[in-house]
Amino acid sequence: MELMVVTLILGFLFSLLFIAPRFIKSDETKKVHSDANKTVKAYNKDEVSLHNKRTDCWIIIKEKVYDVTPYVEEHPGGDAILAHAGDDSTEGFFGPQHATRVFDMIDDFYIGDLEK
């Protein structure tokens, strides 16, 4: 009897290895589709320029707008991030001082596109 219960439990756990990835994948697919349906906000340069302080810092990188306010105090380059607060930071962002991980991090601060 005990052997049968253990076998059933192991069988159930083993089947989860095949079933669970299907559920996880479908949830990830839903997330990708829901992100694709988000409306992207557009900002003009005048709007971005208002956010030029340590406590309210937006930057433009390649025609995209980022609110980096939460990152200002953590920035390894100190106040260098404030040099172009409220303005285009593309040149500084792609400078040699940045490690490649910064390219992945910046997406977390994306808030919209720059109006053309």
PDB file of N, CA and C in Angstrom:
ATOM      1  N   MET A   1       0.826  -1.194   0.000  1.00  0.00           N
ATOM      2  CA  MET A   1       0.000   0.000   0.000  1.00  0.00           C
ATOM      3  C   MET A   1       0.873   1.260   0.000  1.00  0.00           C
ATOM      4  N   GLU A   2       1.884   1.270   0.880  1.00  0.00           N
ATOM      5  CA  GLU A   2       2.759   2.433   0.953  1.00  0.00           C
ATOM      6  C   GLU A   2       3.515   2.631  -0.352  1.00  0.00           C
ATOM      7  N   LEU A   3       3.907   1.534  -0.948  1.00  0.00           N
ATOM      8  CA  LEU A   3       4.624   1.602  -2.218  1.00  0.00           C
ATOM      9  C   LEU A   3       3.738   2.219  -3.304  1.00  0.00           C
ATOM     10  N   MET A   4       2.477   1.896  -3.270  1.00  0.00           N
ATOM     11  CA  MET A   4       1.538   2.438  -4.255  1.00  0.00           C
ATOM     12  C   MET A   4       1.362   3.947  -4.051  1.00  0.00           C
ATOM     13  N   VAL A   5       1.272   4.418  -2.844  1.00  0.00           N
ATOM     14  CA  VAL A   5       1.121   5.842  -2.540  1.00  0.00           C
ATOM     15  C   VAL A   5       2.373   6.601  -2.981  1.00  0.00           C
ATOM     16  N   VAL A   6       3.542   6.064  -2.662  1.00  0.00           N
ATOM     17  CA  VAL A   6       4.796   6.696  -3.053  1.00  0.00           C
ATOM     18  C   VAL A   6       4.892   6.755  -4.573  1.00  0.00           C
ATOM     19  N   THR A   7       4.501   5.692  -5.251  1.00  0.00           N
ATOM     20  CA  THR A   7       4.533   5.648  -6.712  1.00  0.00           C
ATOM     21  C   THR A   7       3.601   6.699  -7.302  1.00  0.00           C
ATOM     22  N   LEU A   8       2.418   6.830  -6.750  1.00  0.00           N
ATOM     23  CA  LEU A   8       1.465   7.834  -7.229  1.00  0.00           C
ATOM     24  C   LEU A   8       1.999   9.254  -7.023  1.00  0.00           C
ATOM     25  N   ILE A   9       2.584   9.515  -5.876  1.00  0.00           N
ATOM     26  CA  ILE A   9       3.140  10.842  -5.586  1.00  0.00           C
ATOM     27  C   ILE A   9       4.284  11.155  -6.539  1.00  0.00           C
ATOM     28  N   LEU A  10       5.186  10.195  -6.719  1.00  0.00           N
ATOM     29  CA  LEU A  10       6.307  10.393  -7.643  1.00  0.00           C
ATOM     30  C   LEU A  10       5.814  10.579  -9.080  1.00  0.00           C
ATOM     31  N   GLY A  11       4.820   9.836  -9.456  1.00  0.00           N
ATOM     32  CA  GLY A  11       4.232   9.982 -10.795  1.00  0.00           C
ATOM     33  C   GLY A  11       3.632  11.364 -10.986  1.00  0.00           C
ATOM     34  N   PHE A  12       2.945  11.849  -9.976  1.00  0.00           N
ATOM     35  CA  PHE A  12       2.356  13.183 -10.025  1.00  0.00           C
ATOM     36  C   PHE A  12       3.436  14.248 -10.157  1.00  0.00           C
ATOM     37  N   LEU A  13       4.470  14.156  -9.326  1.00  0.00           N
ATOM     38  CA  LEU A  13       5.559  15.129  -9.375  1.00  0.00           C
ATOM     39  C   LEU A  13       6.286  15.079 -10.714  1.00  0.00           C
ATOM     40  N   PHE A  14       6.498  13.880 -11.235  1.00  0.00           N
ATOM     41  CA  PHE A  14       7.152  13.730 -12.524  1.00  0.00           C
ATOM     42  C   PHE A  14       6.318  14.361 -13.645  1.00  0.00           C
ATOM     43  N   SER A  15       5.008  14.175 -13.585  1.00  0.00           N
ATOM     44  CA  SER A  15       4.139  14.754 -14.622  1.00  0.00           C
ATOM     45  C   SER A  15       4.154  16.282 -14.581  1.00  0.00           C
ATOM     46  N   LEU A  16       4.377  16.863 -13.402  1.00  0.00           N
ATOM     47  CA  LEU A  16       4.465  18.313 -13.296  1.00  0.00           C
ATOM     48  C   LEU A  16       5.640  18.870 -14.094  1.00  0.00           C
ATOM     49  N   LEU A  17       6.684  18.094 -14.230  1.00  0.00           N
ATOM     50  CA  LEU A  17       7.843  18.528 -15.016  1.00  0.00           C
ATOM     51  C   LEU A  17       7.463  18.797 -16.467  1.00  0.00           C
ATOM     52  N   PHE A  18       6.460  18.076 -16.959  1.00  0.00           N
ATOM     53  CA  PHE A  18       6.043  18.249 -18.348  1.00  0.00           C
ATOM     54  C   PHE A  18       4.884  19.229 -18.500  1.00  0.00           C
ATOM     55  N   ILE A  19       4.058  19.309 -17.504  1.00  0.00           N
ATOM     56  CA  ILE A  19       2.871  20.161 -17.582  1.00  0.00           C
ATOM     57  C   ILE A  19       3.181  21.607 -17.191  1.00  0.00           C
ATOM     58  N   ALA A  20       3.938  21.816 -16.127  1.00  0.00           N
ATOM     59  CA  ALA A  20       4.212  23.165 -15.612  1.00  0.00           C
ATOM     60  C   ALA A  20       4.854  24.086 -16.649  1.00  0.00           C
ATOM     61  N   PRO A  21       5.838  23.644 -17.433  1.00  0.00           N
ATOM     62  CA  PRO A  21       6.428  24.563 -18.417  1.00  0.00           C
ATOM     63  C   PRO A  21       5.415  25.099 -19.417  1.00  0.00           C
ATOM     64  N   ARG A  22       4.398  24.324 -19.727  1.00  0.00           N
ATOM     65  CA  ARG A  22       3.372  24.810 -20.662  1.00  0.00           C
ATOM     66  C   ARG A  22       2.587  25.974 -20.060  1.00  0.00           C
ATOM     67  N   PHE A  23       2.284  25.889 -18.777  1.00  0.00           N
ATOM     68  CA  PHE A  23       1.561  26.968 -18.117  1.00  0.00           C
ATOM     69  C   PHE A  23       2.441  28.202 -17.980  1.00  0.00           C
ATOM     70  N   ILE A  24       3.684  28.018 -17.630  1.00  0.00           N
ATOM     71  CA  ILE A  24       4.615  29.138 -17.483  1.00  0.00           C
ATOM     72  C   ILE A  24       4.803  29.829 -18.821  1.00  0.00           C
ATOM     73  N   LYS A  25       4.980  29.066 -19.864  1.00  0.00           N
ATOM     74  CA  LYS A  25       5.186  29.644 -21.194  1.00  0.00           C
ATOM     75  C   LYS A  25       3.961  30.435 -21.629  1.00  0.00           C
ATOM     76  N   SER A  26       2.766  29.914 -21.367  1.00  0.00           N
ATOM     77  CA  SER A  26       1.569  30.631 -21.783  1.00  0.00           C
ATOM     78  C   SER A  26       1.432  31.948 -21.014  1.00  0.00           C
ATOM     79  N   ASP A  27       1.838  31.985 -19.741  1.00  0.00           N
ATOM     80  CA  ASP A  27       1.797  33.224 -18.977  1.00  0.00           C
ATOM     81  C   ASP A  27       2.787  34.233 -19.538  1.00  0.00           C
ATOM     82  N   GLU A  28       3.988  33.775 -19.905  1.00  0.00           N
ATOM     83  CA  GLU A  28       4.984  34.674 -20.493  1.00  0.00           C
ATOM     84  C   GLU A  28       4.483  35.233 -21.809  1.00  0.00           C
ATOM     85  N   THR A  29       3.833  34.402 -22.606  1.00  0.00           N
ATOM     86  CA  THR A  29       3.294  34.852 -23.885  1.00  0.00           C
ATOM     87  C   THR A  29       2.242  35.924 -23.661  1.00  0.00           C
ATOM     88  N   LYS A  30       1.379  35.735 -22.666  1.00  0.00           N
ATOM     89  CA  LYS A  30       0.371  36.739 -22.361  1.00  0.00           C
ATOM     90  C   LYS A  30       1.015  38.055 -21.963  1.00  0.00           C
ATOM     91  N   LYS A  31       2.088  37.985 -21.164  1.00  0.00           N
ATOM     92  CA  LYS A  31       2.774  39.192 -20.728  1.00  0.00           C
ATOM     93  C   LYS A  31       3.351  39.944 -21.922  1.00  0.00           C
ATOM     94  N   VAL A  32       3.975  39.221 -22.845  1.00  0.00           N
ATOM     95  CA  VAL A  32       4.551  39.864 -24.030  1.00  0.00           C
ATOM     96  C   VAL A  32       3.464  40.538 -24.831  1.00  0.00           C
ATOM     97  N   HIS A  33       2.335  39.864 -25.003  1.00  0.00           N
ATOM     98  CA  HIS A  33       1.243  40.455 -25.761  1.00  0.00           C
ATOM     99  C   HIS A  33       0.643  41.667 -25.059  1.00  0.00           C
ATOM    100  N   SER A  34       0.527  41.610 -23.736  1.00  0.00           N
ATOM    101  CA  SER A  34      -0.031  42.754 -23.024  1.00  0.00           C
ATOM    102  C   SER A  34       0.928  43.941 -23.079  1.00  0.00           C
ATOM    103  N   ASP A  35       2.255  43.702 -23.031  1.00  0.00           N
ATOM    104  CA  ASP A  35       3.216  44.789 -23.156  1.00  0.00           C
ATOM    105  C   ASP A  35       3.139  45.418 -24.541  1.00  0.00           C
ATOM    106  N   ALA A  36       2.890  44.608 -25.544  1.00  0.00           N
ATOM    107  CA  ALA A  36       2.828  45.109 -26.917  1.00  0.00           C
ATOM    108  C   ALA A  36       1.609  46.017 -27.115  1.00  0.00           C
ATOM    109  N   ASN A  37       0.582  45.838 -26.305  1.00  0.00           N
ATOM    110  CA  ASN A  37      -0.633  46.636 -26.454  1.00  0.00           C
ATOM    111  C   ASN A  37      -0.597  47.943 -25.679  1.00  0.00           C
ATOM    112  N   LYS A  38       0.463  48.184 -24.905  1.00  0.00           N
ATOM    113  CA  LYS A  38       0.555  49.415 -24.126  1.00  0.00           C
ATOM    114  C   LYS A  38       0.701  50.614 -25.049  1.00  0.00           C
ATOM    115  N   THR A  39       0.078  51.698 -24.674  1.00  0.00           N
ATOM    116  CA  THR A  39       0.214  52.935 -25.419  1.00  0.00           C
ATOM    117  C   THR A  39       1.484  53.640 -24.964  1.00  0.00           C
ATOM    118  N   VAL A  40       2.268  54.084 -25.936  1.00  0.00           N
ATOM    119  CA  VAL A  40       3.516  54.768 -25.623  1.00  0.00           C
ATOM    120  C   VAL A  40       3.236  56.266 -25.556  1.00  0.00           C
ATOM    121  N   LYS A  41       3.618  56.874 -24.455  1.00  0.00           N
ATOM    122  CA  LYS A  41       3.437  58.312 -24.263  1.00  0.00           C
ATOM    123  C   LYS A  41       4.533  59.040 -25.032  1.00  0.00           C
ATOM    124  N   ALA A  42       4.186  60.177 -25.607  1.00  0.00           N
ATOM    125  CA  ALA A  42       5.164  61.000 -26.312  1.00  0.00           C
ATOM    126  C   ALA A  42       5.345  62.312 -25.556  1.00  0.00           C
ATOM    127  N   TYR A  43       6.594  62.736 -25.433  1.00  0.00           N
ATOM    128  CA  TYR A  43       6.934  63.979 -24.737  1.00  0.00           C
ATOM    129  C   TYR A  43       7.704  64.877 -25.699  1.00  0.00           C
ATOM    130  N   ASN A  44       7.480  66.192 -25.558  1.00  0.00           N
ATOM    131  CA  ASN A  44       8.300  67.104 -26.352  1.00  0.00           C
ATOM    132  C   ASN A  44       9.478  67.576 -25.510  1.00  0.00           C
ATOM    133  N   LYS A  45      10.445  68.200 -26.167  1.00  0.00           N
ATOM    134  CA  LYS A  45      11.669  68.612 -25.460  1.00  0.00           C
ATOM    135  C   LYS A  45      11.382  69.594 -24.334  1.00  0.00           C
ATOM    136  N   ASP A  46      10.373  70.443 -24.509  1.00  0.00           N
ATOM    137  CA  ASP A  46      10.029  71.400 -23.454  1.00  0.00           C
ATOM    138  C   ASP A  46       9.550  70.682 -22.191  1.00  0.00           C
ATOM    139  N   GLU A  47       8.736  69.642 -22.367  1.00  0.00           N
ATOM    140  CA  GLU A  47       8.258  68.873 -21.211  1.00  0.00           C
ATOM    141  C   GLU A  47       9.430  68.196 -20.492  1.00  0.00           C
ATOM    142  N   VAL A  48      10.322  67.592 -21.263  1.00  0.00           N
ATOM    143  CA  VAL A  48      11.461  66.893 -20.682  1.00  0.00           C
ATOM    144  C   VAL A  48      12.370  67.875 -19.946  1.00  0.00           C
ATOM    145  N   SER A  49      12.551  69.064 -20.504  1.00  0.00           N
ATOM    146  CA  SER A  49      13.472  70.038 -19.907  1.00  0.00           C
ATOM    147  C   SER A  49      13.043  70.496 -18.515  1.00  0.00           C
ATOM    148  N   LEU A  50      11.778  70.339 -18.168  1.00  0.00           N
ATOM    149  CA  LEU A  50      11.284  70.716 -16.843  1.00  0.00           C
ATOM    150  C   LEU A  50      11.787  69.761 -15.748  1.00  0.00           C
ATOM    151  N   HIS A  51      12.228  68.599 -16.154  1.00  0.00           N
ATOM    152  CA  HIS A  51      12.652  67.557 -15.208  1.00  0.00           C
ATOM    153  C   HIS A  51      14.180  67.515 -15.169  1.00  0.00           C
ATOM    154  N   ASN A  52      14.762  68.535 -14.568  1.00  0.00           N
ATOM    155  CA  ASN A  52      16.213  68.741 -14.637  1.00  0.00           C
ATOM    156  C   ASN A  52      16.891  68.858 -13.272  1.00  0.00           C
ATOM    157  N   LYS A  53      16.292  68.189 -12.271  1.00  0.00           N
ATOM    158  CA  LYS A  53      16.848  68.274 -10.916  1.00  0.00           C
ATOM    159  C   LYS A  53      17.180  66.887 -10.381  1.00  0.00           C
ATOM    160  N   ARG A  54      17.937  66.859  -9.331  1.00  0.00           N
ATOM    161  CA  ARG A  54      18.289  65.598  -8.665  1.00  0.00           C
ATOM    162  C   ARG A  54      17.028  64.843  -8.245  1.00  0.00           C
ATOM    163  N   THR A  55      16.018  65.561  -7.784  1.00  0.00           N
ATOM    164  CA  THR A  55      14.789  64.934  -7.292  1.00  0.00           C
ATOM    165  C   THR A  55      13.747  64.718  -8.384  1.00  0.00           C
ATOM    166  N   ASP A  56      14.067  65.108  -9.601  1.00  0.00           N
ATOM    167  CA  ASP A  56      13.154  64.957 -10.740  1.00  0.00           C
ATOM    168  C   ASP A  56      14.013  65.009 -12.007  1.00  0.00           C
ATOM    169  N   CYS A  57      14.543  63.861 -12.404  1.00  0.00           N
ATOM    170  CA  CYS A  57      15.540  63.816 -13.470  1.00  0.00           C
ATOM    171  C   CYS A  57      15.105  62.917 -14.628  1.00  0.00           C
ATOM    172  N   TRP A  58      14.825  63.548 -15.760  1.00  0.00           N
ATOM    173  CA  TRP A  58      14.518  62.821 -16.982  1.00  0.00           C
ATOM    174  C   TRP A  58      15.654  63.060 -17.965  1.00  0.00           C
ATOM    175  N   ILE A  59      15.917  62.068 -18.796  1.00  0.00           N
ATOM    176  CA  ILE A  59      16.920  62.225 -19.838  1.00  0.00           C
ATOM    177  C   ILE A  59      16.385  61.645 -21.149  1.00  0.00           C
ATOM    178  N   ILE A  60      16.996  62.064 -22.232  1.00  0.00           N
ATOM    179  CA  ILE A  60      16.654  61.552 -23.559  1.00  0.00           C
ATOM    180  C   ILE A  60      17.855  60.757 -24.061  1.00  0.00           C
ATOM    181  N   ILE A  61      17.570  59.549 -24.545  1.00  0.00           N
ATOM    182  CA  ILE A  61      18.603  58.724 -25.165  1.00  0.00           C
ATOM    183  C   ILE A  61      18.013  58.152 -26.446  1.00  0.00           C
ATOM    184  N   LYS A  62      18.597  58.548 -27.559  1.00  0.00           N
ATOM    185  CA  LYS A  62      18.136  58.066 -28.875  1.00  0.00           C
ATOM    186  C   LYS A  62      16.630  58.225 -29.050  1.00  0.00           C
ATOM    187  N   GLU A  63      16.152  59.411 -28.821  1.00  0.00           N
ATOM    188  CA  GLU A  63      14.735  59.757 -29.037  1.00  0.00           C
ATOM    189  C   GLU A  63      13.769  59.044 -28.083  1.00  0.00           C
ATOM    190  N   LYS A  64      14.274  58.470 -27.010  1.00  0.00           N
ATOM    191  CA  LYS A  64      13.423  57.858 -25.991  1.00  0.00           C
ATOM    192  C   LYS A  64      13.629  58.609 -24.685  1.00  0.00           C
ATOM    193  N   VAL A  65      12.563  58.699 -23.890  1.00  0.00           N
ATOM    194  CA  VAL A  65      12.593  59.458 -22.642  1.00  0.00           C
ATOM    195  C   VAL A  65      12.620  58.496 -21.458  1.00  0.00           C
ATOM    196  N   TYR A  66      13.509  58.801 -20.521  1.00  0.00           N
ATOM    197  CA  TYR A  66      13.695  57.963 -19.338  1.00  0.00           C
ATOM    198  C   TYR A  66      13.625  58.821 -18.081  1.00  0.00           C
ATOM    199  N   ASP A  67      12.892  58.346 -17.081  1.00  0.00           N
ATOM    200  CA  ASP A  67      12.853  58.991 -15.773  1.00  0.00           C
ATOM    201  C   ASP A  67      13.855  58.248 -14.888  1.00  0.00           C
ATOM    202  N   VAL A  68      15.033  58.828 -14.747  1.00  0.00           N
ATOM    203  CA  VAL A  68      16.114  58.184 -13.997  1.00  0.00           C
ATOM    204  C   VAL A  68      16.220  58.701 -12.560  1.00  0.00           C
ATOM    205  N   THR A  69      15.202  59.407 -12.101  1.00  0.00           N
ATOM    206  CA  THR A  69      15.213  59.975 -10.757  1.00  0.00           C
ATOM    207  C   THR A  69      15.604  58.958  -9.684  1.00  0.00           C
ATOM    208  N   PRO A  70      15.032  57.749  -9.691  1.00  0.00           N
ATOM    209  CA  PRO A  70      15.396  56.794  -8.638  1.00  0.00           C
ATOM    210  C   PRO A  70      16.857  56.335  -8.720  1.00  0.00           C
ATOM    211  N   TYR A  71      17.502  56.548  -9.847  1.00  0.00           N
ATOM    212  CA  TYR A  71      18.860  56.070 -10.045  1.00  0.00           C
ATOM    213  C   TYR A  71      19.929  57.133  -9.773  1.00  0.00           C
ATOM    214  N   VAL A  72      19.535  58.385  -9.694  1.00  0.00           N
ATOM    215  CA  VAL A  72      20.501  59.487  -9.553  1.00  0.00           C
ATOM    216  C   VAL A  72      21.453  59.258  -8.388  1.00  0.00           C
ATOM    217  N   GLU A  73      20.939  58.906  -7.233  1.00  0.00           N
ATOM    218  CA  GLU A  73      21.796  58.714  -6.051  1.00  0.00           C
ATOM    219  C   GLU A  73      22.676  57.473  -6.161  1.00  0.00           C
ATOM    220  N   GLU A  74      22.279  56.504  -6.969  1.00  0.00           N
ATOM    221  CA  GLU A  74      23.044  55.269  -7.122  1.00  0.00           C
ATOM    222  C   GLU A  74      24.064  55.352  -8.257  1.00  0.00           C
ATOM    223  N   HIS A  75      23.978  56.376  -9.072  1.00  0.00           N
ATOM    224  CA  HIS A  75      24.832  56.481 -10.257  1.00  0.00           C
ATOM    225  C   HIS A  75      26.305  56.431  -9.869  1.00  0.00           C
ATOM    226  N   PRO A  76      27.050  55.447 -10.391  1.00  0.00           N
ATOM    227  CA  PRO A  76      28.459  55.312 -10.025  1.00  0.00           C
ATOM    228  C   PRO A  76      29.308  56.531 -10.404  1.00  0.00           C
ATOM    229  N   GLY A  77      28.867  57.285 -11.387  1.00  0.00           N
ATOM    230  CA  GLY A  77      29.607  58.479 -11.812  1.00  0.00           C
ATOM    231  C   GLY A  77      29.193  59.723 -11.048  1.00  0.00           C
ATOM    232  N   GLY A  78      28.511  59.541  -9.934  1.00  0.00           N
ATOM    233  CA  GLY A  78      28.089  60.677  -9.118  1.00  0.00           C
ATOM    234  C   GLY A  78      27.135  61.591  -9.857  1.00  0.00           C
ATOM    235  N   ASP A  79      27.397  62.887  -9.755  1.00  0.00           N
ATOM    236  CA  ASP A  79      26.498  63.882 -10.342  1.00  0.00           C
ATOM    237  C   ASP A  79      26.637  64.017 -11.851  1.00  0.00           C
ATOM    238  N   ALA A  80      27.486  63.228 -12.469  1.00  0.00           N
ATOM    239  CA  ALA A  80      27.645  63.304 -13.928  1.00  0.00           C
ATOM    240  C   ALA A  80      26.323  63.064 -14.638  1.00  0.00           C
ATOM    241  N   ILE A  81      25.465  62.275 -14.045  1.00  0.00           N
ATOM    242  CA  ILE A  81      24.160  62.001 -14.644  1.00  0.00           C
ATOM    243  C   ILE A  81      23.314  63.270 -14.733  1.00  0.00           C
ATOM    244  N   LEU A  82      23.593  64.239 -13.860  1.00  0.00           N
ATOM    245  CA  LEU A  82      22.821  65.480 -13.843  1.00  0.00           C
ATOM    246  C   LEU A  82      23.290  66.487 -14.895  1.00  0.00           C
ATOM    247  N   ALA A  83      24.424  66.226 -15.519  1.00  0.00           N
ATOM    248  CA  ALA A  83      24.967  67.163 -16.510  1.00  0.00           C
ATOM    249  C   ALA A  83      23.998  67.399 -17.663  1.00  0.00           C
ATOM    250  N   HIS A  84      23.214  66.394 -17.997  1.00  0.00           N
ATOM    251  CA  HIS A  84      22.251  66.529 -19.089  1.00  0.00           C
ATOM    252  C   HIS A  84      20.825  66.241 -18.628  1.00  0.00           C
ATOM    253  N   ALA A  85      20.560  66.483 -17.357  1.00  0.00           N
ATOM    254  CA  ALA A  85      19.204  66.273 -16.832  1.00  0.00           C
ATOM    255  C   ALA A  85      18.236  67.171 -17.581  1.00  0.00           C
ATOM    256  N   GLY A  86      17.146  66.592 -18.029  1.00  0.00           N
ATOM    257  CA  GLY A  86      16.153  67.346 -18.787  1.00  0.00           C
ATOM    258  C   GLY A  86      16.573  67.586 -20.223  1.00  0.00           C
ATOM    259  N   ASP A  87      17.580  66.880 -20.681  1.00  0.00           N
ATOM    260  CA  ASP A  87      18.125  67.120 -22.015  1.00  0.00           C
ATOM    261  C   ASP A  87      18.576  65.792 -22.635  1.00  0.00           C
ATOM    262  N   ASP A  88      19.182  65.879 -23.800  1.00  0.00           N
ATOM    263  CA  ASP A  88      19.658  64.698 -24.510  1.00  0.00           C
ATOM    264  C   ASP A  88      20.965  64.201 -23.901  1.00  0.00           C
ATOM    265  N   SER A  89      20.966  62.937 -23.474  1.00  0.00           N
ATOM    266  CA  SER A  89      22.139  62.322 -22.854  1.00  0.00           C
ATOM    267  C   SER A  89      22.718  61.206 -23.708  1.00  0.00           C
ATOM    268  N   THR A  90      22.327  61.157 -24.960  1.00  0.00           N
ATOM    269  CA  THR A  90      22.743  60.057 -25.832  1.00  0.00           C
ATOM    270  C   THR A  90      24.263  59.917 -25.893  1.00  0.00           C
ATOM    271  N   GLU A  91      24.954  61.004 -26.140  1.00  0.00           N
ATOM    272  CA  GLU A  91      26.412  60.949 -26.286  1.00  0.00           C
ATOM    273  C   GLU A  91      27.093  60.442 -25.012  1.00  0.00           C
ATOM    274  N   GLY A  92      26.694  60.978 -23.876  1.00  0.00           N
ATOM    275  CA  GLY A  92      27.284  60.542 -22.609  1.00  0.00           C
ATOM    276  C   GLY A  92      26.930  59.113 -22.264  1.00  0.00           C
ATOM    277  N   PHE A  93      25.717  58.718 -22.588  1.00  0.00           N
ATOM    278  CA  PHE A  93      25.264  57.358 -22.279  1.00  0.00           C
ATOM    279  C   PHE A  93      26.092  56.316 -23.024  1.00  0.00           C
ATOM    280  N   PHE A  94      26.424  56.597 -24.258  1.00  0.00           N
ATOM    281  CA  PHE A  94      27.180  55.640 -25.061  1.00  0.00           C
ATOM    282  C   PHE A  94      28.690  55.854 -24.961  1.00  0.00           C
ATOM    283  N   GLY A  95      29.119  56.605 -23.968  1.00  0.00           N
ATOM    284  CA  GLY A  95      30.546  56.847 -23.758  1.00  0.00           C
ATOM    285  C   GLY A  95      31.252  55.617 -23.222  1.00  0.00           C
ATOM    286  N   PRO A  96      32.572  55.647 -23.249  1.00  0.00           N
ATOM    287  CA  PRO A  96      33.373  54.487 -22.831  1.00  0.00           C
ATOM    288  C   PRO A  96      33.306  54.184 -21.335  1.00  0.00           C
ATOM    289  N   GLN A  97      32.790  55.092 -20.537  1.00  0.00           N
ATOM    290  CA  GLN A  97      32.742  54.892 -19.089  1.00  0.00           C
ATOM    291  C   GLN A  97      31.649  53.923 -18.655  1.00  0.00           C
ATOM    292  N   HIS A  98      30.713  53.614 -19.547  1.00  0.00           N
ATOM    293  CA  HIS A  98      29.605  52.742 -19.164  1.00  0.00           C
ATOM    294  C   HIS A  98      29.881  51.285 -19.524  1.00  0.00           C
ATOM    295  N   ALA A  99      29.625  50.411 -18.566  1.00  0.00           N
ATOM    296  CA  ALA A  99      29.702  48.970 -18.813  1.00  0.00           C
ATOM    297  C   ALA A  99      28.492  48.545 -19.638  1.00  0.00           C
ATOM    298  N   THR A 100      28.572  47.410 -20.268  1.00  0.00           N
ATOM    299  CA  THR A 100      27.477  46.959 -21.130  1.00  0.00           C
ATOM    300  C   THR A 100      26.178  46.708 -20.362  1.00  0.00           C
ATOM    301  N   ARG A 101      26.248  46.461 -19.065  1.00  0.00           N
ATOM    302  CA  ARG A 101      25.019  46.200 -18.300  1.00  0.00           C
ATOM    303  C   ARG A 101      24.100  47.416 -18.249  1.00  0.00           C
ATOM    304  N   VAL A 102      24.647  48.614 -18.463  1.00  0.00           N
ATOM    305  CA  VAL A 102      23.833  49.821 -18.435  1.00  0.00           C
ATOM    306  C   VAL A 102      22.797  49.806 -19.560  1.00  0.00           C
ATOM    307  N   PHE A 103      23.102  49.113 -20.643  1.00  0.00           N
ATOM    308  CA  PHE A 103      22.164  49.048 -21.767  1.00  0.00           C
ATOM    309  C   PHE A 103      20.932  48.219 -21.420  1.00  0.00           C
ATOM    310  N   ASP A 104      21.085  47.269 -20.529  1.00  0.00           N
ATOM    311  CA  ASP A 104      19.942  46.485 -20.057  1.00  0.00           C
ATOM    312  C   ASP A 104      19.177  47.222 -18.963  1.00  0.00           C
ATOM    313  N   MET A 105      19.892  47.932 -18.114  1.00  0.00           N
ATOM    314  CA  MET A 105      19.279  48.636 -16.981  1.00  0.00           C
ATOM    315  C   MET A 105      18.368  49.774 -17.423  1.00  0.00           C
ATOM    316  N   ILE A 106      18.735  50.467 -18.481  1.00  0.00           N
ATOM    317  CA  ILE A 106      18.021  51.686 -18.859  1.00  0.00           C
ATOM    318  C   ILE A 106      16.558  51.427 -19.196  1.00  0.00           C
ATOM    319  N   ASP A 107      16.249  50.249 -19.693  1.00  0.00           N
ATOM    320  CA  ASP A 107      14.856  49.936 -20.050  1.00  0.00           C
ATOM    321  C   ASP A 107      13.906  50.038 -18.867  1.00  0.00           C
ATOM    322  N   ASP A 108      14.427  49.821 -17.661  1.00  0.00           N
ATOM    323  CA  ASP A 108      13.585  49.908 -16.463  1.00  0.00           C
ATOM    324  C   ASP A 108      13.079  51.330 -16.217  1.00  0.00           C
ATOM    325  N   PHE A 109      13.728  52.318 -16.796  1.00  0.00           N
ATOM    326  CA  PHE A 109      13.384  53.718 -16.547  1.00  0.00           C
ATOM    327  C   PHE A 109      12.645  54.367 -17.718  1.00  0.00           C
ATOM    328  N   TYR A 110      12.377  53.613 -18.754  1.00  0.00           N
ATOM    329  CA  TYR A 110      11.698  54.118 -19.962  1.00  0.00           C
ATOM    330  C   TYR A 110      10.281  54.580 -19.646  1.00  0.00           C
ATOM    331  N   ILE A 111       9.945  55.795 -20.074  1.00  0.00           N
ATOM    332  CA  ILE A 111       8.584  56.299 -19.850  1.00  0.00           C
ATOM    333  C   ILE A 111       7.883  56.728 -21.134  1.00  0.00           C
ATOM    334  N   GLY A 112       8.614  56.862 -22.235  1.00  0.00           N
ATOM    335  CA  GLY A 112       7.969  57.236 -23.488  1.00  0.00           C
ATOM    336  C   GLY A 112       8.968  57.662 -24.547  1.00  0.00           C
ATOM    337  N   ASP A 113       8.443  58.145 -25.643  1.00  0.00           N
ATOM    338  CA  ASP A 113       9.268  58.573 -26.766  1.00  0.00           C
ATOM    339  C   ASP A 113       9.281  60.087 -26.874  1.00  0.00           C
ATOM    340  N   LEU A 114      10.302  60.582 -27.527  1.00  0.00           N
ATOM    341  CA  LEU A 114      10.398  62.019 -27.799  1.00  0.00           C
ATOM    342  C   LEU A 114       9.579  62.321 -29.041  1.00  0.00           C
ATOM    343  N   GLU A 115       8.742  63.349 -28.962  1.00  0.00           N
ATOM    344  CA  GLU A 115       7.962  63.746 -30.137  1.00  0.00           C
ATOM    345  C   GLU A 115       8.888  64.148 -31.260  1.00  0.00           C
ATOM    346  N   LYS A 116       8.495  63.820 -32.434  1.00  0.00           N
ATOM    347  CA  LYS A 116       9.311  64.196 -33.608  1.00  0.00           C
ATOM    348  C   LYS A 116       8.881  65.510 -34.159  1.00  0.00           C
TER     349      LYS A 116
END
